[in-house]
C-alpha cells in the first residue's frame, strides 16, 4: 500500500485495497499484534478479548475490512468504512450515528512502533473495533455519534471530545478480576497498557460525567488521570440524558488540569492489577490526539 493515494468519495470513504499491502506492512502488523497479545493478557477487559477472538483478528496480517464488517454486521449491525485519514467532524459523527466505524488504511513504520500521533490501522482496528462486538458498547458509540451531531450546533465539541478521550480512548473498567483496560489508545500501546494499571503516579478516579467534561488532557505523555467505570451499562446510562443542560452547567465552571485532584473526587479503591508490579517501560507515550478531529 505504500505510495498509494486513493481518492475519497463525497462521503470521504475510500477502498481499503487490501491486496495492495506489502509484506513489510503485514510484518509490522504481526510485530504489533504479537506484542500486544502478550501484554494484554490479564490487563484488557473480557469484552475486548472476546471481541478480538470472535472477529478473528490475528497476527497473520492486516485484516480485510470486508470480512470484519460481515461479522460485525451480523452481531451488532456495525460496519467498517475505510477513510484516507482524519475526516471532518460532521462526517465522523454521521458515520458513528449510522453504525459505521471510520478506519484509516495505512500502518506505521518500524521506527514508529512505539509512538504515532495520528491513528493508523493498528490503532483503529486492533484498538477500537473488537469492542464494537459488545452490544452495549456498540450502542454507546452510536449514541456518541448522535450526540456529536447535536453538540456541533451547541458549540460544545471540546466537552464531548473530553468524554471520548477519557472513555473510548483511555478508559478503565472495574471487574471482578480487578481493574482492566477498555480504551483503544491504551489497548494499542505497548507502554501505556502496562503503565495505566500498575504505576503509582496516575490518578484513577471513579467515572463522573461532569468531572470528565471539565478535565483537560495531554497528548504528548502518559495520562495523568484515568476514569474508571463499573460497566458499559453504567457508561451508556450516564450518557443517555440530554447533554444540553449539562454543557451549560459545566461551561460556567473552571476546567481541571490533567493531573489535578480536588476534594470531591472519588478515587478508585479496588484492585488495580493482578499481575506483576509495574516496571518502568522504555517505550514512548501512547498514540494520542488533541482536538476533536484528532480523537479518532
Foldseek 3Di string as FASTA:
>chain_A
DPPDDFDADPLQFGALPVVPDDPQQFQLQLVLQVLLVVLQVQAADPLLVVLCVQQVDHNRGQDHQVSSQVSLCVQANAGETEGQFQDDLLSCLVCQLNRYHYAYNGDDHPVCQAEDAGDHRCLRCSQQPSNCNPNLVSVLSNVLSVLSVVCVVVVQQLLSLLVCCQPQAFAWEQDPSAIHTRHSLLSSHSQNSLCVQFPPQAFEFEDDSLLSSQEAFDFFAHFNYHYYYHDSVVVSVNPPDDCNVSSVVSVVDHGDYRNDDDDPTHTDDIRRGPDDHRDHDPGGHTHHYHGSSRSD
